[in-house]
Amino acid sequence: MGRKRVERLMREADLAGVSPRRKGFTRRDPKAASAPDLVNRDFTAPAPNRLWVTDLTMVSTGEGPLWLSAIRDAFSRRVVAWQTSARADADLVLTTLEYALASREVQPGTLIHRS
């Protein structure tokens, strides 16, 4: 389908596209120490529940931004836990981690959680 046809159909349906905004969410403190890279940028795992990776993503909705926090097992590549919130704060991330730990049997000292 061509661009002009999409424009015409959107105009007829009274729809308008949304342009992505410029990113500028986090600012690094130059005096803060960097966290150690315990996995040396190798995001593969030898077994389940050894390495979890996480991300925080903003999803634009008609009611405003919605933040998604998800944790994925690097071995199975399956989502272990996820949560959404109207605010991107520590509570969102910690709640997601609590749900993930409650859903899996993890032995102390065997898991690396990497963001």
N, C-alpha and C. Protein backbone atom coordinates (compact mmCIF):
# COMPACT_ATOMS: atom_id res chain seq x y z
N MET A 1 0.85 -1.16 0.00
CA MET A 1 0.00 0.00 0.00
C MET A 1 0.90 1.23 0.00
N GLY A 2 0.61 2.17 -0.85
CA GLY A 2 1.43 3.36 -0.99
C GLY A 2 1.19 4.40 0.09
N ARG A 3 2.13 5.33 0.21
CA ARG A 3 2.06 6.37 1.22
C ARG A 3 0.84 7.27 1.02
N LYS A 4 0.55 7.64 -0.23
CA LYS A 4 -0.58 8.53 -0.50
C LYS A 4 -1.91 7.87 -0.14
N ARG A 5 -2.00 6.57 -0.40
CA ARG A 5 -3.23 5.86 -0.08
C ARG A 5 -3.43 5.80 1.44
N VAL A 6 -2.34 5.54 2.15
CA VAL A 6 -2.42 5.52 3.61
C VAL A 6 -2.82 6.89 4.13
N GLU A 7 -2.23 7.96 3.58
CA GLU A 7 -2.59 9.32 3.99
C GLU A 7 -4.08 9.59 3.75
N ARG A 8 -4.58 9.17 2.58
CA ARG A 8 -5.99 9.40 2.26
C ARG A 8 -6.89 8.62 3.22
N LEU A 9 -6.57 7.35 3.47
CA LEU A 9 -7.39 6.54 4.36
C LEU A 9 -7.37 7.08 5.79
N MET A 10 -6.21 7.55 6.22
CA MET A 10 -6.12 8.12 7.56
C MET A 10 -6.91 9.41 7.65
N ARG A 11 -6.85 10.24 6.60
CA ARG A 11 -7.60 11.49 6.58
C ARG A 11 -9.10 11.19 6.62
N GLU A 12 -9.56 10.19 5.85
CA GLU A 12 -10.98 9.83 5.84
C GLU A 12 -11.44 9.30 7.19
N ALA A 13 -10.55 8.61 7.90
CA ALA A 13 -10.89 8.06 9.22
C ALA A 13 -10.60 9.05 10.35
N ASP A 14 -10.18 10.27 9.98
CA ASP A 14 -9.85 11.31 10.96
C ASP A 14 -8.78 10.84 11.94
N LEU A 15 -7.73 10.21 11.38
CA LEU A 15 -6.59 9.74 12.17
C LEU A 15 -5.37 10.58 11.87
N ALA A 16 -4.51 10.72 12.84
CA ALA A 16 -3.26 11.45 12.66
C ALA A 16 -2.12 10.64 13.24
N GLY A 17 -1.00 10.64 12.57
CA GLY A 17 0.18 9.93 13.06
C GLY A 17 0.83 10.70 14.20
N VAL A 18 1.59 9.97 15.00
CA VAL A 18 2.31 10.56 16.12
C VAL A 18 3.79 10.40 15.87
N SER A 19 4.51 11.51 15.92
CA SER A 19 5.96 11.46 15.73
C SER A 19 6.63 11.14 17.05
N PRO A 20 7.66 10.30 17.02
CA PRO A 20 8.36 10.00 18.27
C PRO A 20 9.08 11.23 18.79
N ARG A 21 9.08 11.37 20.10
CA ARG A 21 9.75 12.51 20.71
C ARG A 21 11.22 12.21 20.90
N ARG A 22 11.97 13.25 21.06
CA ARG A 22 13.40 13.11 21.29
C ARG A 22 13.64 12.47 22.65
N LYS A 23 14.54 11.51 22.70
CA LYS A 23 14.83 10.83 23.95
C LYS A 23 15.69 11.73 24.82
N GLY A 24 15.50 11.64 26.10
CA GLY A 24 16.28 12.41 27.04
C GLY A 24 15.89 12.03 28.45
N PHE A 25 15.60 10.76 28.67
CA PHE A 25 15.05 10.30 29.93
C PHE A 25 16.10 10.26 31.04
N THR A 26 17.25 9.65 30.80
CA THR A 26 18.22 9.50 31.87
C THR A 26 19.44 10.38 31.63
N ARG A 27 20.01 10.80 32.72
CA ARG A 27 21.24 11.57 32.67
C ARG A 27 22.24 10.89 33.59
N ARG A 28 23.38 10.55 33.07
CA ARG A 28 24.40 9.86 33.85
C ARG A 28 25.15 10.87 34.70
N ASP A 29 25.34 10.51 35.96
CA ASP A 29 26.14 11.32 36.87
C ASP A 29 27.61 11.03 36.59
N PRO A 30 28.38 12.01 36.14
CA PRO A 30 29.77 11.74 35.79
C PRO A 30 30.62 11.31 36.98
N LYS A 31 30.18 11.64 38.20
CA LYS A 31 30.94 11.24 39.39
C LYS A 31 30.58 9.85 39.88
N ALA A 32 29.47 9.29 39.39
CA ALA A 32 29.03 7.98 39.86
C ALA A 32 29.90 6.87 39.28
N ALA A 33 30.16 5.87 40.10
CA ALA A 33 30.96 4.73 39.65
C ALA A 33 30.09 3.81 38.80
N SER A 34 30.67 3.24 37.77
CA SER A 34 29.96 2.30 36.92
C SER A 34 29.83 0.95 37.63
N ALA A 35 28.71 0.29 37.40
CA ALA A 35 28.51 -1.05 37.97
C ALA A 35 29.40 -2.03 37.22
N PRO A 36 29.92 -3.04 37.91
CA PRO A 36 30.79 -4.01 37.23
C PRO A 36 30.00 -4.84 36.22
N ASP A 37 30.62 -5.17 35.11
CA ASP A 37 29.99 -5.99 34.07
C ASP A 37 30.28 -7.46 34.39
N LEU A 38 29.40 -8.08 35.16
CA LEU A 38 29.62 -9.45 35.63
C LEU A 38 29.50 -10.49 34.53
N VAL A 39 28.90 -10.13 33.40
CA VAL A 39 28.73 -11.11 32.31
C VAL A 39 29.64 -10.81 31.13
N ASN A 40 30.46 -9.77 31.22
CA ASN A 40 31.39 -9.40 30.14
C ASN A 40 30.69 -9.28 28.78
N ARG A 41 29.51 -8.68 28.79
CA ARG A 41 28.70 -8.44 27.57
C ARG A 41 28.30 -9.73 26.87
N ASP A 42 28.35 -10.88 27.56
CA ASP A 42 27.92 -12.17 27.00
C ASP A 42 26.56 -12.50 27.62
N PHE A 43 25.50 -12.34 26.83
CA PHE A 43 24.15 -12.49 27.35
C PHE A 43 23.58 -13.88 27.09
N THR A 44 24.43 -14.89 27.13
CA THR A 44 23.97 -16.28 27.05
C THR A 44 24.12 -16.90 28.43
N ALA A 45 23.31 -17.90 28.72
CA ALA A 45 23.36 -18.54 30.04
C ALA A 45 23.46 -20.05 29.86
N PRO A 46 24.19 -20.75 30.74
CA PRO A 46 24.34 -22.19 30.62
C PRO A 46 23.13 -22.98 31.09
N ALA A 47 22.25 -22.35 31.88
CA ALA A 47 21.08 -23.04 32.44
C ALA A 47 20.03 -21.99 32.80
N PRO A 48 18.78 -22.44 33.02
CA PRO A 48 17.74 -21.50 33.42
C PRO A 48 18.06 -20.84 34.76
N ASN A 49 17.58 -19.63 34.92
CA ASN A 49 17.69 -18.87 36.17
C ASN A 49 19.13 -18.60 36.59
N ARG A 50 20.02 -18.48 35.63
CA ARG A 50 21.40 -18.08 35.94
C ARG A 50 21.64 -16.63 35.56
N LEU A 51 20.97 -16.17 34.48
CA LEU A 51 21.12 -14.79 34.03
C LEU A 51 19.76 -14.27 33.59
N TRP A 52 19.32 -13.22 34.23
CA TRP A 52 18.10 -12.52 33.83
C TRP A 52 18.51 -11.16 33.30
N VAL A 53 17.88 -10.74 32.21
CA VAL A 53 18.12 -9.41 31.65
C VAL A 53 16.81 -8.63 31.74
N THR A 54 16.93 -7.33 31.86
CA THR A 54 15.75 -6.51 32.08
C THR A 54 15.81 -5.24 31.23
N ASP A 55 14.64 -4.67 30.99
CA ASP A 55 14.57 -3.43 30.25
C ASP A 55 13.36 -2.65 30.71
N LEU A 56 13.43 -1.36 30.56
CA LEU A 56 12.34 -0.45 30.89
C LEU A 56 12.00 0.31 29.61
N THR A 57 10.75 0.20 29.16
CA THR A 57 10.34 0.75 27.88
C THR A 57 9.09 1.60 28.04
N MET A 58 9.05 2.75 27.36
CA MET A 58 7.86 3.58 27.36
C MET A 58 7.00 3.23 26.15
N VAL A 59 5.70 3.05 26.40
CA VAL A 59 4.74 2.77 25.35
C VAL A 59 3.76 3.94 25.31
N SER A 60 3.64 4.58 24.16
CA SER A 60 2.70 5.70 24.02
C SER A 60 1.29 5.17 23.89
N THR A 61 0.36 5.72 24.66
CA THR A 61 -1.04 5.34 24.58
C THR A 61 -1.88 6.61 24.45
N GLY A 62 -3.15 6.44 24.18
CA GLY A 62 -4.05 7.57 24.07
C GLY A 62 -4.23 8.31 25.39
N GLU A 63 -3.94 7.64 26.50
CA GLU A 63 -4.09 8.25 27.82
C GLU A 63 -2.76 8.74 28.39
N GLY A 64 -1.72 8.72 27.58
CA GLY A 64 -0.41 9.16 28.04
C GLY A 64 0.58 8.01 28.04
N PRO A 65 1.80 8.27 28.48
CA PRO A 65 2.82 7.22 28.44
C PRO A 65 2.55 6.14 29.47
N LEU A 66 2.90 4.91 29.10
CA LEU A 66 2.81 3.76 29.98
C LEU A 66 4.18 3.11 29.99
N TRP A 67 4.70 2.81 31.17
CA TRP A 67 6.03 2.23 31.29
C TRP A 67 5.92 0.74 31.51
N LEU A 68 6.71 -0.02 30.77
CA LEU A 68 6.74 -1.47 30.86
C LEU A 68 8.11 -1.90 31.36
N SER A 69 8.12 -2.65 32.45
CA SER A 69 9.34 -3.24 32.99
C SER A 69 9.22 -4.75 32.79
N ALA A 70 10.19 -5.34 32.10
CA ALA A 70 10.15 -6.78 31.83
C ALA A 70 11.48 -7.42 32.19
N ILE A 71 11.41 -8.66 32.68
CA ILE A 71 12.60 -9.45 33.00
C ILE A 71 12.53 -10.72 32.18
N ARG A 72 13.64 -11.03 31.49
CA ARG A 72 13.69 -12.19 30.60
C ARG A 72 14.83 -13.10 31.03
N ASP A 73 14.58 -14.41 31.00
CA ASP A 73 15.62 -15.40 31.28
C ASP A 73 16.49 -15.53 30.04
N ALA A 74 17.79 -15.33 30.17
CA ALA A 74 18.69 -15.37 29.01
C ALA A 74 18.82 -16.77 28.43
N PHE A 75 18.58 -17.81 29.23
CA PHE A 75 18.70 -19.19 28.73
C PHE A 75 17.51 -19.55 27.84
N SER A 76 16.30 -19.40 28.37
CA SER A 76 15.09 -19.80 27.63
C SER A 76 14.55 -18.67 26.76
N ARG A 77 14.99 -17.45 27.01
CA ARG A 77 14.51 -16.26 26.32
C ARG A 77 13.03 -16.00 26.56
N ARG A 78 12.51 -16.54 27.63
CA ARG A 78 11.12 -16.32 28.00
C ARG A 78 11.02 -15.21 29.04
N VAL A 79 9.92 -14.49 29.00
CA VAL A 79 9.69 -13.42 29.97
C VAL A 79 9.35 -14.07 31.31
N VAL A 80 10.10 -13.72 32.33
CA VAL A 80 9.90 -14.27 33.67
C VAL A 80 8.81 -13.47 34.39
N ALA A 81 8.84 -12.15 34.24
CA ALA A 81 7.84 -11.28 34.88
C ALA A 81 7.80 -9.94 34.16
N TRP A 82 6.66 -9.28 34.25
CA TRP A 82 6.53 -7.94 33.68
C TRP A 82 5.48 -7.17 34.48
N GLN A 83 5.64 -5.87 34.49
CA GLN A 83 4.72 -4.96 35.17
C GLN A 83 4.63 -3.67 34.36
N THR A 84 3.50 -2.98 34.49
CA THR A 84 3.34 -1.68 33.85
C THR A 84 2.98 -0.65 34.91
N SER A 85 3.30 0.60 34.61
CA SER A 85 3.00 1.70 35.52
C SER A 85 2.96 3.00 34.74
N ALA A 86 2.28 3.98 35.30
CA ALA A 86 2.25 5.31 34.69
C ALA A 86 3.54 6.06 34.97
N ARG A 87 4.35 5.55 35.92
CA ARG A 87 5.61 6.22 36.28
C ARG A 87 6.77 5.25 36.15
N ALA A 88 7.89 5.75 35.67
CA ALA A 88 9.12 4.96 35.58
C ALA A 88 9.94 5.25 36.84
N ASP A 89 9.73 4.45 37.85
CA ASP A 89 10.44 4.68 39.10
C ASP A 89 10.97 3.36 39.66
N ALA A 90 11.65 3.45 40.78
CA ALA A 90 12.25 2.26 41.40
C ALA A 90 11.18 1.26 41.83
N ASP A 91 10.01 1.74 42.24
CA ASP A 91 8.94 0.82 42.65
C ASP A 91 8.53 -0.11 41.51
N LEU A 92 8.45 0.41 40.30
CA LEU A 92 8.09 -0.42 39.15
C LEU A 92 9.11 -1.53 38.95
N VAL A 93 10.38 -1.19 38.98
CA VAL A 93 11.44 -2.16 38.75
C VAL A 93 11.50 -3.18 39.88
N LEU A 94 11.40 -2.72 41.12
CA LEU A 94 11.47 -3.64 42.26
C LEU A 94 10.27 -4.58 42.31
N THR A 95 9.09 -4.07 41.97
CA THR A 95 7.90 -4.93 41.92
C THR A 95 8.07 -6.02 40.87
N THR A 96 8.61 -5.66 39.72
CA THR A 96 8.84 -6.64 38.67
C THR A 96 9.82 -7.70 39.14
N LEU A 97 10.88 -7.30 39.80
CA LEU A 97 11.87 -8.25 40.32
C LEU A 97 11.26 -9.15 41.39
N GLU A 98 10.42 -8.60 42.26
CA GLU A 98 9.76 -9.41 43.29
C GLU A 98 8.86 -10.47 42.66
N TYR A 99 8.10 -10.10 41.62
CA TYR A 99 7.25 -11.07 40.93
C TYR A 99 8.09 -12.15 40.26
N ALA A 100 9.21 -11.76 39.68
CA ALA A 100 10.08 -12.73 39.01
C ALA A 100 10.65 -13.72 40.01
N LEU A 101 11.12 -13.23 41.14
CA LEU A 101 11.69 -14.12 42.16
C LEU A 101 10.63 -15.05 42.74
N ALA A 102 9.39 -14.56 42.87
CA ALA A 102 8.31 -15.40 43.39
C ALA A 102 7.87 -16.47 42.39
N SER A 103 8.08 -16.21 41.10
CA SER A 103 7.61 -17.16 40.08
C SER A 103 8.62 -18.27 39.77
N ARG A 104 9.87 -18.11 40.20
CA ARG A 104 10.92 -19.09 39.90
C ARG A 104 11.62 -19.51 41.18
N GLU A 105 12.11 -20.74 41.19
CA GLU A 105 12.93 -21.21 42.32
C GLU A 105 14.38 -20.87 42.00
N VAL A 106 14.89 -19.89 42.68
CA VAL A 106 16.26 -19.42 42.44
C VAL A 106 17.08 -19.67 43.70
N GLN A 107 18.21 -20.33 43.52
CA GLN A 107 19.11 -20.58 44.65
C GLN A 107 19.92 -19.32 44.92
N PRO A 108 20.09 -18.96 46.18
CA PRO A 108 20.89 -17.77 46.50
C PRO A 108 22.31 -17.88 45.95
N GLY A 109 22.78 -16.80 45.36
CA GLY A 109 24.14 -16.75 44.84
C GLY A 109 24.32 -17.31 43.45
N THR A 110 23.23 -17.74 42.78
CA THR A 110 23.38 -18.35 41.45
C THR A 110 22.84 -17.47 40.32
N LEU A 111 22.17 -16.38 40.65
CA LEU A 111 21.50 -15.56 39.64
C LEU A 111 22.20 -14.22 39.47
N ILE A 112 22.35 -13.80 38.22
CA ILE A 112 22.81 -12.45 37.91
C ILE A 112 21.66 -11.73 37.23
N HIS A 113 21.27 -10.57 37.75
CA HIS A 113 20.21 -9.75 37.17
C HIS A 113 20.88 -8.56 36.50
N ARG A 114 20.80 -8.48 35.17
CA ARG A 114 21.52 -7.47 34.38
C ARG A 114 20.55 -6.54 33.70
N SER A 115 20.74 -5.23 33.88
CA SER A 115 19.88 -4.28 33.18
C SER A 115 20.64 -3.64 32.05
